[in-house]
C-alpha cells in the first residue's frame, strides 16, 4: 500500500514525524513537527505546497522490466512514467529487486515510488547517457526533470548513481590500503600519480560528469524516505524550482567522492528540508543562487530542520554562487558530526551577491576538522588536477550581513570562528548569542564590522582568544 498521500496530509496537519535512531550526537532539543518550524520561523514563511497524485498505480514489471540487476530497463521506466502521466498522474511503483537502467525522466503528476527492497541501479555504461546542453556540453543526469509540476520520489528503496565509474579520486583522501585496492581495480593515474580516474575517457571529459538528480524549473516536488547514493557529481540539485520538500531523505557519497555534494539548492523558493541525513564528499546541505530574479532574491524562504550531516566539507553551507541573492533562511535543530566545517559561508568576487536574513539556532557540532563557523569572501573552487586562479574578477561582490546564530554547542574544532571579508565589502551585522565552542583557536577576523557576541564562550587552547586586526570590529556583551 502506498503511503505518500497519507503522509502528505500528516505533513500539512503538522503531525510529528520522528527522526530515525542513528549513532552520533543528538540535537539540543527534540525535533518538532514541520508545522512548528514554519510557525516559528523568524520571518513570515509562506506555505510550501505539496504535490498531489491520483490513487492510480503503474507497476514497473507490467511494462517489461526485470529486476535481476542484469537486464537494462530504461525503456520500461520510460513507458511506465509516460503512461502514468498520460493517464493524469499517479504512482509508478518499483517493487523489491535490482533494476538496472539508464537515465529516468520524471514527468508531471508522477510519483516514482520505491517499495522496500527496491534498488534502482543506474548503468555504468556511459554511452547510455545522451549529450544535453548547448553543443553537447553535458550529459543527461540519472534522474532529471525540466519544467514539470507535481513530481515525487518516495518510498523505502535506494537509487545508486554508479558514481564510482565517473569520479576521480585524490590520493590524499584515501588510506594506503584503500589506494592500493583502487589501483588494483584498474583505471589510470594523472602524470604526478596523485589523482586516479576510472578510465582515460573520464579523465579527458570530467566536465561532462552529471548531477545525480537534476530538477530545473519544476514546481511542487516531494523527495521522501528514499536513499540517494553514489552520485557521479552533486547528488541532489534542484535549480529555479519552487515548493520543494525533502522529508526523511538519506543522501550518501563516500567522503572522498570528488565534487560529491549532498544537496545544492540553487535559486529555489519555498523549500523545506526536514529530518534528512547526509554524508558527502563535498558540501552537505548547501544553498546557492545565480542569475538575477525580477521578483527579489533568487533563493528565499527556506527551512532546514532536524537534519544530520556526517562527513562533508561543510554541514550547512551558503555559496559559493550567491550572485542571485539569498533571503530568509531558517536552520534549526541540526547536528554536524565530523564535517570539515560546521557552518560554512563562502563566496568571492565574480560569484557574489547579497545574502541576508539568515537565522541559525540549536545546532550541535562534534569533531569539526577546521572551523566551527566560517565566513570567507575569498573562496576559490579548484577542480581535480587544476590550480588556483590568479586573476581576480571585479564584478558580483559578495555581501554577507544580517546573520543570527544562536544556541550553538561545538565540542571540538581547529578554529572556533573565522571571518574574512573584503576591504571594499566587510562582512557586517553578524549576531552570535549563547554559543559555546571548544577549539584550538578562538575568533580570527579581518574586514569584519559590527560582529556582536552575547554569551559566547570560546574554550580554546591557543591565546589570545580573539586574533583580530584593526579592520575587525567585535562587540562583546
Protein backbone atom coordinates (compact mmCIF):
# COMPACT_ATOMS: atom_id res chain seq x y z
CA UNK A 1 0.00 0.00 0.00
CA UNK A 2 1.26 3.43 -0.89
CA UNK A 3 1.66 5.91 1.96
CA UNK A 4 2.71 9.08 0.11
CA UNK A 5 -0.67 10.81 0.08
CA UNK A 6 -1.42 9.89 3.70
CA UNK A 7 1.98 11.16 4.80
CA UNK A 8 1.50 14.41 2.90
CA UNK A 9 -1.74 15.02 4.76
CA UNK A 10 0.14 14.44 8.01
CA UNK A 11 2.74 16.98 6.98
CA UNK A 12 0.09 19.55 6.21
CA UNK A 13 -1.62 18.86 9.54
CA UNK A 14 1.70 19.30 11.33
CA UNK A 15 1.76 15.85 12.90
CA UNK A 16 5.06 14.82 14.45
CA UNK A 17 7.48 12.83 12.33
CA UNK A 18 10.30 11.41 14.42
CA UNK A 19 13.94 11.07 13.43
CA UNK A 20 15.16 7.53 12.87
CA UNK A 21 17.57 6.32 15.55
CA UNK A 22 21.17 6.88 14.50
CA UNK A 23 24.55 6.83 16.12
CA UNK A 24 26.22 10.11 16.92
CA UNK A 25 25.33 13.28 18.81
CA UNK A 26 21.73 14.35 19.08
CA UNK A 27 20.11 17.81 18.72
CA UNK A 28 19.99 20.15 21.70
CA UNK A 29 16.21 19.80 21.74
CA UNK A 30 13.91 17.13 20.38
CA UNK A 31 12.82 17.66 16.77
CA UNK A 32 9.42 19.17 16.32
CA UNK A 33 6.91 18.61 13.53
CA UNK A 34 7.40 20.52 10.32
CA UNK A 35 4.49 22.81 11.15
CA UNK A 36 6.34 24.04 14.27
CA UNK A 37 9.30 25.28 12.24
CA UNK A 38 7.02 27.02 9.76
CA UNK A 39 5.09 28.74 12.55
CA UNK A 40 8.22 29.73 14.49
CA UNK A 41 10.38 30.88 11.62
CA UNK A 42 11.80 34.38 12.31
CA UNK A 43 10.14 35.58 9.10
CA UNK A 44 6.78 35.03 7.51
CA UNK A 45 7.27 31.65 5.84
CA UNK A 46 4.78 31.17 3.01
CA UNK A 47 3.05 27.79 2.69
CA UNK A 48 5.02 25.12 0.83
CA UNK A 49 2.55 23.30 -1.40
CA UNK A 50 2.96 19.53 -1.66
CA UNK A 51 2.28 17.61 -4.88
CA UNK A 52 -0.95 15.61 -5.12
CA UNK A 53 -1.29 12.34 -7.00
CA UNK A 54 -4.34 10.31 -8.07
CA UNK A 55 -4.66 6.89 -6.44
CA UNK A 56 -3.52 5.05 -9.54
CA UNK A 57 -0.63 2.59 -9.67
CA UNK A 58 1.54 1.68 -12.62
CA UNK A 59 3.65 -1.37 -11.74
CA UNK A 60 7.06 -1.32 -13.39
CA UNK A 61 7.03 -5.06 -14.09
CA UNK A 62 3.87 -4.62 -16.19
CA UNK A 63 6.00 -2.72 -18.73
CA UNK A 64 8.52 -5.48 -19.29
CA UNK A 65 11.02 -4.62 -16.56
CA UNK A 66 13.17 -7.33 -14.98
CA UNK A 67 14.68 -6.80 -11.54
CA UNK A 68 17.63 -9.16 -11.93
CA UNK A 69 20.36 -6.50 -11.90
CA UNK A 70 21.43 -7.52 -15.42
CA UNK A 71 18.62 -6.51 -17.78
CA UNK A 72 18.56 -2.87 -18.87
CA UNK A 73 15.15 -1.40 -18.02
CA UNK A 74 15.43 2.12 -19.45
CA UNK A 75 12.53 1.62 -21.85
CA UNK A 76 10.30 0.08 -19.18
CA UNK A 77 10.81 3.09 -16.88
CA UNK A 78 10.10 5.44 -19.76
CA UNK A 79 6.92 3.65 -20.78
CA UNK A 80 5.57 3.37 -17.24
CA UNK A 81 6.21 7.05 -16.46
CA UNK A 82 4.70 8.21 -19.74
CA UNK A 83 1.64 6.01 -19.26
CA UNK A 84 1.18 7.40 -15.75
CA UNK A 85 1.49 11.00 -16.94
CA UNK A 86 -0.85 10.41 -19.90
CA UNK A 87 -3.50 8.99 -17.56
CA UNK A 88 -3.43 12.15 -15.46
CA UNK A 89 -0.88 11.03 -12.91
CA UNK A 90 -0.37 8.51 -10.15
CA UNK A 91 2.35 6.28 -8.74
CA UNK A 92 4.93 4.35 -10.76
CA UNK A 93 5.69 1.51 -8.36
CA UNK A 94 9.13 -0.12 -8.28
CA UNK A 95 8.97 -3.39 -6.30
CA UNK A 96 11.79 -5.19 -4.50
CA UNK A 97 14.62 -6.16 -6.82
CA UNK A 98 17.64 -4.64 -8.55
CA UNK A 99 16.51 -2.59 -11.51
CA UNK A 100 19.31 -1.64 -13.92
CA UNK A 101 18.55 1.40 -16.05
CA UNK A 102 19.79 4.39 -17.97
CA UNK A 103 18.54 7.93 -17.26
CA UNK A 104 14.99 8.40 -15.99
CA UNK A 105 12.95 11.49 -16.87
CA UNK A 106 10.29 12.49 -14.36
CA UNK A 107 7.08 13.92 -15.81
CA UNK A 108 4.29 15.97 -14.28
CA UNK A 109 1.93 14.31 -11.80
CA UNK A 110 4.15 11.24 -11.40
CA UNK A 111 5.38 9.80 -8.09
CA UNK A 112 8.26 7.36 -8.60
CA UNK A 113 7.67 5.09 -5.60
CA UNK A 114 10.28 2.56 -4.48
CA UNK A 115 8.99 -0.21 -2.26
CA UNK A 116 11.17 -1.71 0.48
CA UNK A 117 13.95 -3.79 -1.08
CA UNK A 118 13.93 -1.89 -4.37
CA UNK A 119 17.28 -0.74 -5.77
CA UNK A 120 17.40 1.37 -8.92
CA UNK A 121 20.93 0.85 -10.22
CA UNK A 122 21.96 3.32 -12.89
CA UNK A 123 24.15 1.78 -15.54
CA UNK A 124 27.92 2.14 -15.63
CA UNK A 125 27.72 2.23 -19.44
CA UNK A 126 28.16 5.95 -20.05
CA UNK A 127 27.04 5.67 -23.67
CA UNK A 128 23.51 5.34 -22.26
CA UNK A 129 23.60 8.97 -21.07
CA UNK A 130 22.82 11.21 -24.05
CA UNK A 131 24.50 14.56 -24.55
CA UNK A 132 22.46 17.58 -23.49
CA UNK A 133 23.03 21.30 -23.14
CA UNK A 134 24.49 23.67 -25.67
CA UNK A 135 26.71 21.81 -28.15
CA UNK A 136 26.55 18.67 -26.01
CA UNK A 137 28.23 20.42 -23.10
CA UNK A 138 26.76 17.99 -20.53
CA UNK A 139 25.23 14.55 -20.21
CA UNK A 140 21.76 13.54 -19.05
CA UNK A 141 21.53 13.04 -15.31
CA UNK A 142 20.45 9.64 -13.96
CA UNK A 143 17.23 11.35 -12.76
CA UNK A 144 16.14 14.56 -14.45
CA UNK A 145 13.12 16.77 -14.99
CA UNK A 146 12.61 20.16 -16.61
CA UNK A 147 9.58 22.42 -16.43
CA UNK A 148 7.37 19.83 -14.73
CA UNK A 149 4.98 20.05 -11.79
CA UNK A 150 3.74 17.69 -9.08
CA UNK A 151 6.63 15.23 -9.10
CA UNK A 152 7.99 12.97 -6.37
CA UNK A 153 10.45 10.23 -5.50
CA UNK A 154 9.18 8.35 -2.44
CA UNK A 155 9.42 5.07 -0.58
CA UNK A 156 11.96 2.97 1.27
CA UNK A 157 14.19 2.00 -1.65
CA UNK A 158 17.62 3.07 -2.89
CA UNK A 159 18.82 4.84 -6.03
CA UNK A 160 22.51 4.25 -6.88
CA UNK A 161 24.12 6.58 -9.44
CA UNK A 162 27.16 4.37 -10.24
CA UNK A 163 29.26 7.41 -9.40
CA UNK A 164 32.45 5.44 -8.80
CA UNK A 165 32.52 4.76 -12.55
CA UNK A 166 32.66 8.52 -13.20
CA UNK A 167 34.56 10.25 -10.42
CA UNK A 168 38.29 10.90 -9.94
CA UNK A 169 39.84 10.14 -6.57
CA UNK A 170 42.63 12.11 -4.92
CA UNK A 171 45.42 10.09 -3.32
CA UNK A 172 45.38 12.29 -0.21
CA UNK A 173 41.82 11.24 0.61
CA UNK A 174 42.50 7.51 0.93
CA UNK A 175 44.42 5.26 3.25
CA UNK A 176 47.31 3.23 1.81
CA UNK A 177 45.17 0.10 1.71
CA UNK A 178 42.27 1.84 0.01
CA UNK A 179 44.61 3.37 -2.56
CA UNK A 180 46.23 0.01 -3.35
CA UNK A 181 42.82 -1.60 -3.78
CA UNK A 182 41.71 1.23 -6.04
CA UNK A 183 44.79 0.90 -8.26
CA UNK A 184 44.27 -2.86 -8.44
CA UNK A 185 40.75 -2.29 -9.81
CA UNK A 186 42.14 -0.66 -12.97
CA UNK A 187 41.81 2.93 -14.14
CA UNK A 188 44.51 5.47 -14.94
CA UNK A 189 46.62 7.92 -12.93
CA UNK A 190 47.44 11.56 -13.54
CA UNK A 191 51.03 12.34 -14.57
CA UNK A 192 52.00 13.16 -10.99
CA UNK A 193 50.37 10.00 -9.63
CA UNK A 194 48.13 11.93 -7.27
CA UNK A 195 44.73 11.53 -8.97
CA UNK A 196 43.06 8.29 -10.10
CA UNK A 197 40.44 8.13 -12.85
CA UNK A 198 38.15 5.21 -13.78
CA UNK A 199 39.48 5.34 -17.34
CA UNK A 200 41.21 7.69 -19.74
CA UNK A 201 37.97 8.86 -21.32
CA UNK A 202 36.67 10.10 -17.98
CA UNK A 203 40.00 11.80 -17.27
CA UNK A 204 39.67 13.74 -20.53
CA UNK A 205 35.96 14.52 -20.10
CA UNK A 206 35.50 15.20 -16.40
CA UNK A 207 33.44 18.31 -17.21
CA UNK A 208 30.69 16.00 -18.53
CA UNK A 209 30.05 14.31 -15.18
CA UNK A 210 26.31 14.70 -14.49
CA UNK A 211 24.50 15.51 -11.29
CA UNK A 212 22.56 12.51 -9.97
CA UNK A 213 19.16 14.20 -9.59
CA UNK A 214 18.77 17.37 -11.66
CA UNK A 215 15.48 19.26 -11.49
CA UNK A 216 15.09 22.59 -13.31
CA UNK A 217 12.14 24.99 -13.31
CA UNK A 218 9.85 22.49 -11.58
CA UNK A 219 7.02 23.12 -9.11
CA UNK A 220 5.67 21.11 -6.20
CA UNK A 221 8.31 18.47 -5.54
CA UNK A 222 8.49 15.82 -2.81
CA UNK A 223 11.55 13.70 -2.00
CA UNK A 224 10.58 11.41 0.84
CA UNK A 225 12.08 8.42 2.59
CA UNK A 226 14.36 7.24 -0.20
CA UNK A 227 18.16 6.91 -0.25
CA UNK A 228 20.23 8.60 -2.96
CA UNK A 229 23.80 7.32 -3.09
CA UNK A 230 26.99 7.07 -5.15
CA UNK A 231 26.48 10.07 -7.42
CA UNK A 232 28.69 10.95 -10.41
CA UNK A 233 28.89 14.52 -9.06
CA UNK A 234 26.50 16.50 -6.85
CA UNK A 235 23.68 14.26 -5.58
CA UNK A 236 20.51 16.35 -5.42
CA UNK A 237 20.40 19.55 -7.49
CA UNK A 238 17.17 21.48 -7.94
CA UNK A 239 17.53 24.79 -9.79
CA UNK A 240 14.90 27.54 -10.09
CA UNK A 241 12.28 25.30 -8.52
CA UNK A 242 9.51 26.19 -6.08
CA UNK A 243 7.54 24.39 -3.38
CA UNK A 244 10.19 21.75 -2.66
CA UNK A 245 10.01 19.36 0.30
CA UNK A 246 12.68 16.86 1.35
CA UNK A 247 11.38 14.69 4.19
CA UNK A 248 13.47 11.95 5.82
CA UNK A 249 15.63 11.58 2.72
CA UNK A 250 19.04 9.94 3.02
CA UNK A 251 21.94 11.12 0.87
CA UNK A 252 25.24 9.27 0.82
CA UNK A 253 28.51 9.76 -1.04
CA UNK A 254 31.86 8.49 0.20
CA UNK A 255 33.85 11.30 1.81
CA UNK A 256 36.49 11.02 -0.94
CA UNK A 257 33.87 11.49 -3.69
CA UNK A 258 35.23 14.38 -5.75
CA UNK A 259 32.63 17.18 -6.09
CA UNK A 260 30.27 14.85 -4.24
CA UNK A 261 27.99 17.48 -2.69
CA UNK A 262 24.98 16.12 -0.85
CA UNK A 263 22.36 18.68 -1.90
CA UNK A 264 22.72 22.01 -3.68
CA UNK A 265 19.51 24.03 -3.51
CA UNK A 266 20.01 26.65 -6.20
CA UNK A 267 17.80 29.69 -6.81
CA UNK A 268 14.73 27.97 -5.35
CA UNK A 269 11.80 29.39 -3.40
CA UNK A 270 9.65 27.90 -0.65
CA UNK A 271 11.80 24.98 0.45
CA UNK A 272 11.60 22.64 3.45
CA UNK A 273 14.42 20.19 4.26
CA UNK A 274 13.33 18.08 7.22
CA UNK A 275 14.89 15.17 9.12
CA UNK A 276 17.36 14.33 6.36
CA UNK A 277 20.74 12.66 6.80
CA UNK A 278 23.75 13.47 4.62
CA UNK A 279 27.24 12.06 4.16
CA UNK A 280 29.07 13.73 1.31
CA UNK A 281 32.38 14.14 -0.46
CA UNK A 282 31.92 17.90 -0.58
CA UNK A 283 29.36 20.24 0.97
CA UNK A 284 26.50 18.64 2.87
CA UNK A 285 23.38 20.87 2.75
CA UNK A 286 24.23 23.81 0.51
CA UNK A 287 22.36 26.91 -0.66
CA UNK A 288 23.29 28.54 -3.99
CA UNK A 289 21.83 31.22 -6.24
CA UNK A 290 22.82 32.53 -9.63
CA UNK A 291 21.11 34.85 -12.06
CA UNK A 292 19.02 37.93 -11.43
CA UNK A 293 15.35 37.49 -10.47
CA UNK A 294 12.96 40.41 -11.07
CA UNK A 295 10.89 39.26 -8.08
CA UNK A 296 13.66 39.55 -5.50
CA UNK A 297 16.39 37.22 -4.29
CA UNK A 298 16.72 34.12 -6.42
CA UNK A 299 16.76 31.90 -3.31
CA UNK A 300 14.45 32.66 -0.43
CA UNK A 301 12.07 31.22 2.15
CA UNK A 302 13.98 28.09 3.15
CA UNK A 303 13.71 25.95 6.30
CA UNK A 304 16.33 23.33 7.21
CA UNK A 305 15.30 21.45 10.35
CA UNK A 306 16.21 18.34 12.36
CA UNK A 307 18.89 17.25 9.87
CA UNK A 308 22.16 15.41 10.49
CA UNK A 309 25.33 15.78 8.43
CA UNK A 310 28.28 13.46 8.93
CA UNK A 311 31.36 13.66 6.70
CA UNK A 312 31.21 16.70 4.42
CA UNK A 313 33.21 19.83 3.62
CA UNK A 314 30.51 21.80 5.39
CA UNK A 315 27.43 20.90 7.43
CA UNK A 316 25.18 23.80 6.45
CA UNK A 317 26.69 25.85 3.62
CA UNK A 318 25.94 29.03 1.69
CA UNK A 319 27.76 29.60 -1.60
CA UNK A 320 29.96 29.93 -3.37
CA UNK A 321 27.45 31.09 -6.02
CA UNK A 322 25.43 33.83 -4.33
CA UNK A 323 25.08 36.40 -7.13
CA UNK A 324 21.33 35.81 -7.43
CA UNK A 325 20.90 36.82 -3.80
CA UNK A 326 19.52 34.93 -0.79
CA UNK A 327 16.98 35.97 1.83
CA UNK A 328 15.04 34.35 4.67
CA UNK A 329 16.75 31.08 5.59
CA UNK A 330 15.98 29.33 8.89
CA UNK A 331 18.18 26.46 10.13
CA UNK A 332 17.27 24.73 13.39
CA UNK A 333 17.87 21.58 15.46
CA UNK A 334 20.66 20.17 13.28
CA UNK A 335 23.70 18.01 14.08
CA UNK A 336 27.07 18.16 12.30
CA UNK A 337 29.38 15.30 13.27
CA UNK A 338 32.83 15.12 11.72
CA UNK A 339 32.37 17.71 8.98
CA UNK A 340 35.37 19.76 7.83
CA UNK A 341 33.47 22.96 8.68
CA UNK A 342 30.24 23.26 10.63
CA UNK A 343 28.59 26.45 9.34
CA UNK A 344 30.31 27.46 6.10
CA UNK A 345 29.53 30.71 4.26
CA UNK A 346 31.70 31.32 1.20
CA UNK A 347 31.86 33.35 -1.98
CA UNK A 348 34.24 35.58 -3.94
CA UNK A 349 34.37 38.40 -6.43
CA UNK A 350 32.69 37.26 -9.61
CA UNK A 351 30.23 34.98 -7.79
CA UNK A 352 28.88 37.18 -5.02
CA UNK A 353 25.59 38.87 -4.22
CA UNK A 354 23.55 39.94 -1.20
CA UNK A 355 22.92 37.25 1.41
CA UNK A 356 20.89 38.44 4.39
CA UNK A 357 18.22 37.47 6.94
CA UNK A 358 19.86 34.16 7.84
CA UNK A 359 18.74 32.60 11.14
CA UNK A 360 20.54 29.58 12.63
CA UNK A 361 19.72 28.13 16.03
CA UNK A 362 20.01 25.00 18.20
CA UNK A 363 22.98 23.41 16.48
CA UNK A 364 25.16 20.60 17.86
CA UNK A 365 28.64 20.03 16.41
CA UNK A 366 31.25 17.44 17.25
CA UNK A 367 34.77 16.73 15.95
CA UNK A 368 34.82 19.54 13.40
CA UNK A 369 38.06 19.32 11.43
CA UNK A 370 38.57 23.03 10.72
CA UNK A 371 36.27 25.93 11.59
CA UNK A 372 33.06 25.62 13.55
CA UNK A 373 31.83 28.82 11.86
CA UNK A 374 33.44 30.22 8.71
CA UNK A 375 32.78 33.36 6.66
CA UNK A 376 35.08 33.52 3.62
CA UNK A 377 34.84 36.14 0.86
CA UNK A 378 37.96 34.82 -0.93
CA UNK A 379 36.80 31.28 -1.69
CA UNK A 380 38.06 29.57 -4.84
CA UNK A 381 36.80 26.28 -6.19
CA UNK A 382 39.66 24.21 -7.65
CA UNK A 383 38.71 21.14 -9.76
CA UNK A 384 40.77 17.97 -9.50
CA UNK A 385 44.13 18.49 -11.19
CA UNK A 386 43.66 22.26 -11.62
CA UNK A 387 45.45 25.18 -9.95
CA UNK A 388 44.05 28.23 -8.20
CA UNK A 389 43.18 31.25 -10.32
CA UNK A 390 45.48 34.22 -10.17
CA UNK A 391 43.14 36.63 -11.98
CA UNK A 392 40.54 38.17 -9.69
CA UNK A 393 37.11 39.12 -11.10
CA UNK A 394 35.91 42.64 -10.36
CA UNK A 395 32.13 42.17 -10.58
CA UNK A 396 29.49 40.49 -8.43
CA UNK A 397 30.71 41.41 -4.96
CA UNK A 398 29.78 39.05 -2.11
CA UNK A 399 27.76 40.70 0.67
CA UNK A 400 27.18 38.72 3.88
CA UNK A 401 25.13 40.55 6.51
CA UNK A 402 22.26 40.02 8.91
CA UNK A 403 23.24 36.55 10.19
CA UNK A 404 21.78 35.49 13.54
CA UNK A 405 23.50 32.44 15.06
CA UNK A 406 22.24 31.28 18.46
CA UNK A 407 22.32 28.32 20.83
CA UNK A 408 25.25 26.50 19.25
CA UNK A 409 27.29 23.85 21.06
CA UNK A 410 30.50 22.67 19.39
CA UNK A 411 32.73 20.13 21.12
CA UNK A 412 35.95 20.18 19.15
CA UNK A 413 37.23 22.28 16.22
CA UNK A 414 40.53 23.65 14.99
CA UNK A 415 39.16 27.21 14.93
CA UNK A 416 36.01 28.42 16.64
CA UNK A 417 35.02 31.33 14.37
CA UNK A 418 36.80 32.68 11.28
CA UNK A 419 35.60 35.78 9.44
CA UNK A 420 37.37 37.10 6.34
CA UNK A 421 35.68 39.91 4.44
CA UNK A 422 36.82 42.08 1.55
CA UNK A 423 38.40 45.52 2.07
CA UNK A 424 35.73 47.02 -0.18
CA UNK A 425 32.95 44.93 1.40
CA UNK A 426 33.50 43.81 5.01
CA UNK A 427 31.27 41.15 6.50
CA UNK A 428 28.78 43.03 8.68
CA UNK A 429 25.98 42.67 11.20
CA UNK A 430 26.64 39.15 12.46
CA UNK A 431 25.00 38.30 15.77
CA UNK A 432 26.15 35.38 17.96
CA UNK A 433 24.07 34.54 21.02
CA UNK A 434 24.52 31.69 23.53
CA UNK A 435 27.34 29.98 21.65
CA UNK A 436 29.82 27.56 23.23
CA UNK A 437 32.77 26.26 21.20
CA UNK A 438 35.74 24.20 22.34
CA UNK A 439 38.59 24.63 19.85
CA UNK A 440 42.31 25.11 19.39
CA UNK A 441 41.98 28.70 18.16
CA UNK A 442 39.32 31.23 19.09
CA UNK A 443 37.91 34.01 16.93
CA UNK A 444 40.01 35.02 13.91
CA UNK A 445 38.69 38.03 11.98
CA UNK A 446 39.65 40.62 9.40
CA UNK A 447 37.49 43.05 7.41
CA UNK A 448 34.55 42.42 9.71
CA UNK A 449 32.26 45.04 11.23
CA UNK A 450 29.50 45.05 13.80
CA UNK A 451 30.14 41.48 14.94
CA UNK A 452 28.10 41.02 18.13
CA UNK A 453 28.91 38.39 20.74
CA UNK A 454 26.39 37.76 23.52
CA UNK A 455 27.04 34.98 26.00
CA UNK A 456 29.68 33.48 23.71
CA UNK A 457 32.13 31.12 25.40
CA UNK A 458 35.21 30.08 23.44
CA UNK A 459 37.18 27.45 25.33
CA UNK A 460 40.45 27.50 23.38
CA UNK A 461 43.99 26.19 23.83
CA UNK A 462 45.73 28.97 21.91
CA UNK A 463 45.73 32.51 23.25
CA UNK A 464 44.67 35.21 22.74
CA UNK A 465 41.08 34.12 22.31
CA UNK A 466 40.46 36.94 19.80
CA UNK A 467 43.02 37.07 16.98
CA UNK A 468 41.83 40.10 15.07
CA UNK A 469 43.31 43.13 13.33
CA UNK A 470 42.26 46.79 13.24
CA UNK A 471 39.73 46.07 10.45
CA UNK A 472 37.70 43.81 12.74
CA UNK A 473 35.02 45.36 14.94
CA UNK A 474 33.99 42.88 17.66
CA UNK A 475 31.33 43.88 20.17
CA UNK A 476 31.42 41.53 23.17
CA UNK A 477 28.49 41.97 25.55
